[in-house]
PDB file of N, CA and C in Angstrom:
ATOM      1  N   MET A   1      57.678  40.841   2.738  1.00  0.00           N
ATOM      2  CA  MET A   1      58.400  41.251   1.559  1.00  0.00           C
ATOM      3  C   MET A   1      59.070  42.596   1.855  1.00  0.00           C
ATOM      4  N   PRO A   2      60.399  42.662   1.721  1.00  0.00           N
ATOM      5  CA  PRO A   2      61.102  43.909   2.007  1.00  0.00           C
ATOM      6  C   PRO A   2      60.854  44.977   0.936  1.00  0.00           C
ATOM      7  N   VAL A   3      60.824  46.196   1.383  1.00  0.00           N
ATOM      8  CA  VAL A   3      60.645  47.334   0.480  1.00  0.00           C
ATOM      9  C   VAL A   3      62.019  47.768  -0.021  1.00  0.00           C
ATOM     10  N   THR A   4      62.113  48.051  -1.314  1.00  0.00           N
ATOM     11  CA  THR A   4      63.379  48.502  -1.873  1.00  0.00           C
ATOM     12  C   THR A   4      63.290  49.964  -2.281  1.00  0.00           C
ATOM     13  N   ASN A   5      64.424  50.610  -2.296  1.00  0.00           N
ATOM     14  CA  ASN A   5      64.559  52.000  -2.737  1.00  0.00           C
ATOM     15  C   ASN A   5      63.610  52.960  -2.026  1.00  0.00           C
ATOM     16  N   PHE A   6      63.561  52.861  -0.706  1.00  0.00           N
ATOM     17  CA  PHE A   6      62.714  53.771   0.059  1.00  0.00           C
ATOM     18  C   PHE A   6      63.455  55.062   0.406  1.00  0.00           C
ATOM     19  N   LEU A   7      64.780  55.077   0.194  1.00  0.00           N
ATOM     20  CA  LEU A   7      65.561  56.274   0.483  1.00  0.00           C
ATOM     21  C   LEU A   7      65.608  57.199  -0.735  1.00  0.00           C
ATOM     22  N   LYS A   8      65.565  58.486  -0.475  1.00  0.00           N
ATOM     23  CA  LYS A   8      65.759  59.458  -1.557  1.00  0.00           C
ATOM     24  C   LYS A   8      67.209  59.383  -2.008  1.00  0.00           C
ATOM     25  N   SER A   9      67.476  59.776  -3.228  1.00  0.00           N
ATOM     26  CA  SER A   9      68.827  59.670  -3.780  1.00  0.00           C
ATOM     27  C   SER A   9      69.842  60.494  -2.987  1.00  0.00           C
ATOM     28  N   GLU A  10      69.447  61.655  -2.499  1.00  0.00           N
ATOM     29  CA  GLU A  10      70.388  62.467  -1.721  1.00  0.00           C
ATOM     30  C   GLU A  10      70.661  61.842  -0.357  1.00  0.00           C
ATOM     31  N   THR A  11      69.651  61.213   0.235  1.00  0.00           N
ATOM     32  CA  THR A  11      69.847  60.524   1.506  1.00  0.00           C
ATOM     33  C   THR A  11      70.766  59.323   1.319  1.00  0.00           C
ATOM     34  N   LYS A  12      70.560  58.589   0.250  1.00  0.00           N
ATOM     35  CA  LYS A  12      71.410  57.440  -0.048  1.00  0.00           C
ATOM     36  C   LYS A  12      72.860  57.879  -0.260  1.00  0.00           C
ATOM     37  N   ALA A  13      73.056  58.964  -0.988  1.00  0.00           N
ATOM     38  CA  ALA A  13      74.404  59.475  -1.226  1.00  0.00           C
ATOM     39  C   ALA A  13      75.053  59.919   0.084  1.00  0.00           C
ATOM     40  N   ASN A  14      74.280  60.536   0.952  1.00  0.00           N
ATOM     41  CA  ASN A  14      74.799  60.970   2.248  1.00  0.00           C
ATOM     42  C   ASN A  14      75.208  59.763   3.094  1.00  0.00           C
ATOM     43  N   LEU A  15      74.390  58.720   3.103  1.00  0.00           N
ATOM     44  CA  LEU A  15      74.716  57.515   3.860  1.00  0.00           C
ATOM     45  C   LEU A  15      75.968  56.833   3.304  1.00  0.00           C
ATOM     46  N   GLN A  16      76.128  56.838   2.001  1.00  0.00           N
ATOM     47  CA  GLN A  16      77.324  56.251   1.396  1.00  0.00           C
ATOM     48  C   GLN A  16      78.569  57.045   1.789  1.00  0.00           C
ATOM     49  N   ARG A  17      78.442  58.353   1.859  1.00  0.00           N
ATOM     50  CA  ARG A  17      79.563  59.189   2.289  1.00  0.00           C
ATOM     51  C   ARG A  17      79.913  58.913   3.748  1.00  0.00           C
ATOM     52  N   VAL A  18      78.889  58.812   4.589  1.00  0.00           N
ATOM     53  CA  VAL A  18      79.101  58.505   6.006  1.00  0.00           C
ATOM     54  C   VAL A  18      79.783  57.145   6.152  1.00  0.00           C
ATOM     55  N   LEU A  19      79.352  56.173   5.375  1.00  0.00           N
ATOM     56  CA  LEU A  19      79.919  54.833   5.434  1.00  0.00           C
ATOM     57  C   LEU A  19      81.413  54.854   5.119  1.00  0.00           C
ATOM     58  N   LYS A  20      81.829  55.699   4.204  1.00  0.00           N
ATOM     59  CA  LYS A  20      83.236  55.767   3.803  1.00  0.00           C
ATOM     60  C   LYS A  20      84.084  56.632   4.725  1.00  0.00           C
ATOM     61  N   GLU A  21      83.504  57.706   5.274  1.00  0.00           N
ATOM     62  CA  GLU A  21      84.322  58.738   5.892  1.00  0.00           C
ATOM     63  C   GLU A  21      84.172  58.918   7.395  1.00  0.00           C
ATOM     64  N   HIS A  22      83.105  58.431   7.990  1.00  0.00           N
ATOM     65  CA  HIS A  22      82.872  58.742   9.409  1.00  0.00           C
ATOM     66  C   HIS A  22      83.874  58.021  10.286  1.00  0.00           C
ATOM     67  N   GLU A  23      84.289  58.696  11.369  1.00  0.00           N
ATOM     68  CA  GLU A  23      85.330  58.138  12.232  1.00  0.00           C
ATOM     69  C   GLU A  23      84.812  57.104  13.237  1.00  0.00           C
ATOM     70  N   HIS A  24      83.521  57.125  13.546  1.00  0.00           N
ATOM     71  CA  HIS A  24      82.968  56.202  14.540  1.00  0.00           C
ATOM     72  C   HIS A  24      82.401  54.949  13.865  1.00  0.00           C
ATOM     73  N   PRO A  25      82.882  53.782  14.250  1.00  0.00           N
ATOM     74  CA  PRO A  25      82.408  52.547  13.612  1.00  0.00           C
ATOM     75  C   PRO A  25      80.914  52.281  13.813  1.00  0.00           C
ATOM     76  N   ASP A  26      80.358  52.706  14.945  1.00  0.00           N
ATOM     77  CA  ASP A  26      78.922  52.494  15.177  1.00  0.00           C
ATOM     78  C   ASP A  26      78.073  53.271  14.170  1.00  0.00           C
ATOM     79  N   ILE A  27      78.490  54.466  13.860  1.00  0.00           N
ATOM     80  CA  ILE A  27      77.759  55.290  12.893  1.00  0.00           C
ATOM     81  C   ILE A  27      77.878  54.688  11.504  1.00  0.00           C
ATOM     82  N   ARG A  28      79.079  54.214  11.147  1.00  0.00           N
ATOM     83  CA  ARG A  28      79.256  53.569   9.843  1.00  0.00           C
ATOM     84  C   ARG A  28      78.388  52.316   9.737  1.00  0.00           C
ATOM     85  N   GLU A  29      78.292  51.565  10.825  1.00  0.00           N
ATOM     86  CA  GLU A  29      77.472  50.353  10.813  1.00  0.00           C
ATOM     87  C   GLU A  29      75.993  50.694  10.619  1.00  0.00           C
ATOM     88  N   ARG A  30      75.516  51.736  11.260  1.00  0.00           N
ATOM     89  CA  ARG A  30      74.118  52.141  11.103  1.00  0.00           C
ATOM     90  C   ARG A  30      73.826  52.583   9.674  1.00  0.00           C
ATOM     91  N   ALA A  31      74.767  53.303   9.080  1.00  0.00           N
ATOM     92  CA  ALA A  31      74.602  53.711   7.684  1.00  0.00           C
ATOM     93  C   ALA A  31      74.533  52.485   6.786  1.00  0.00           C
ATOM     94  N   LEU A  32      75.390  51.504   7.051  1.00  0.00           N
ATOM     95  CA  LEU A  32      75.393  50.270   6.265  1.00  0.00           C
ATOM     96  C   LEU A  32      74.063  49.536   6.397  1.00  0.00           C
ATOM     97  N   ILE A  33      73.510  49.512   7.590  1.00  0.00           N
ATOM     98  CA  ILE A  33      72.217  48.847   7.814  1.00  0.00           C
ATOM     99  C   ILE A  33      71.143  49.467   6.929  1.00  0.00           C
ATOM    100  N   PHE A  34      71.064  50.796   6.923  1.00  0.00           N
ATOM    101  CA  PHE A  34      70.055  51.456   6.093  1.00  0.00           C
ATOM    102  C   PHE A  34      70.273  51.185   4.614  1.00  0.00           C
ATOM    103  N   LEU A  35      71.526  51.177   4.180  1.00  0.00           N
ATOM    104  CA  LEU A  35      71.801  50.923   2.767  1.00  0.00           C
ATOM    105  C   LEU A  35      71.445  49.486   2.384  1.00  0.00           C
ATOM    106  N   LEU A  36      71.733  48.541   3.251  1.00  0.00           N
ATOM    107  CA  LEU A  36      71.381  47.146   2.968  1.00  0.00           C
ATOM    108  C   LEU A  36      69.865  46.962   2.936  1.00  0.00           C
ATOM    109  N   LEU A  37      69.154  47.584   3.868  1.00  0.00           N
ATOM    110  CA  LEU A  37      67.691  47.497   3.864  1.00  0.00           C
ATOM    111  C   LEU A  37      67.116  48.152   2.613  1.00  0.00           C
ATOM    112  N   ASN A  38      67.702  49.259   2.194  1.00  0.00           N
ATOM    113  CA  ASN A  38      67.248  49.956   0.991  1.00  0.00           C
ATOM    114  C   ASN A  38      67.436  49.094  -0.257  1.00  0.00           C
ATOM    115  N   ASP A  39      68.436  48.220  -0.244  1.00  0.00           N
ATOM    116  CA  ASP A  39      68.690  47.326  -1.377  1.00  0.00           C
ATOM    117  C   ASP A  39      67.760  46.112  -1.390  1.00  0.00           C
ATOM    118  N   GLY A  40      66.893  45.989  -0.387  1.00  0.00           N
ATOM    119  CA  GLY A  40      65.923  44.904  -0.375  1.00  0.00           C
ATOM    120  C   GLY A  40      66.282  43.734   0.513  1.00  0.00           C
ATOM    121  N   ASN A  41      67.330  43.855   1.306  1.00  0.00           N
ATOM    122  CA  ASN A  41      67.692  42.792   2.232  1.00  0.00           C
ATOM    123  C   ASN A  41      66.710  42.763   3.400  1.00  0.00           C
ATOM    124  N   THR A  42      66.454  41.579   3.927  1.00  0.00           N
ATOM    125  CA  THR A  42      65.602  41.455   5.106  1.00  0.00           C
ATOM    126  C   THR A  42      66.434  41.763   6.345  1.00  0.00           C
ATOM    127  N   GLN A  43      65.771  41.913   7.478  1.00  0.00           N
ATOM    128  CA  GLN A  43      66.487  42.147   8.730  1.00  0.00           C
ATOM    129  C   GLN A  43      67.401  40.973   9.054  1.00  0.00           C
ATOM    130  N   ALA A  44      66.953  39.770   8.764  1.00  0.00           N
ATOM    131  CA  ALA A  44      67.773  38.581   9.019  1.00  0.00           C
ATOM    132  C   ALA A  44      69.019  38.577   8.142  1.00  0.00           C
ATOM    133  N   GLN A  45      68.880  38.968   6.890  1.00  0.00           N
ATOM    134  CA  GLN A  45      70.023  39.031   5.990  1.00  0.00           C
ATOM    135  C   GLN A  45      71.018  40.089   6.435  1.00  0.00           C
ATOM    136  N   VAL A  46      70.500  41.231   6.876  1.00  0.00           N
ATOM    137  CA  VAL A  46      71.368  42.294   7.366  1.00  0.00           C
ATOM    138  C   VAL A  46      72.127  41.820   8.607  1.00  0.00           C
ATOM    139  N   ALA A  47      71.411  41.171   9.510  1.00  0.00           N
ATOM    140  CA  ALA A  47      72.053  40.669  10.729  1.00  0.00           C
ATOM    141  C   ALA A  47      73.145  39.656  10.397  1.00  0.00           C
ATOM    142  N   GLN A  48      72.900  38.802   9.431  1.00  0.00           N
ATOM    143  CA  GLN A  48      73.897  37.811   9.032  1.00  0.00           C
ATOM    144  C   GLN A  48      75.100  38.492   8.383  1.00  0.00           C
ATOM    145  N   THR A  49      74.853  39.504   7.574  1.00  0.00           N
ATOM    146  CA  THR A  49      75.936  40.224   6.898  1.00  0.00           C
ATOM    147  C   THR A  49      76.820  40.953   7.915  1.00  0.00           C
ATOM    148  N   ILE A  50      76.198  41.611   8.867  1.00  0.00           N
ATOM    149  CA  ILE A  50      76.948  42.392   9.840  1.00  0.00           C
ATOM    150  C   ILE A  50      77.568  41.505  10.919  1.00  0.00           C
ATOM    151  N   GLY A  51      76.873  40.454  11.247  1.00  0.00           N
ATOM    152  CA  GLY A  51      77.417  39.531  12.241  1.00  0.00           C
ATOM    153  C   GLY A  51      76.821  39.784  13.556  1.00  0.00           C
TER     154      GLY A  51
END
């Protein structure tokens, strides 16, 4: 069972900013992974979403 909302609100806001503004696609992808996991997605769901 995946854990939801394990990120603090300031960390989540920082990751959302990185996702929108960072110039490196690898960093944006990592931020997206953490945000998807925080929303309760499993690793398999995240992998399917990202491809």
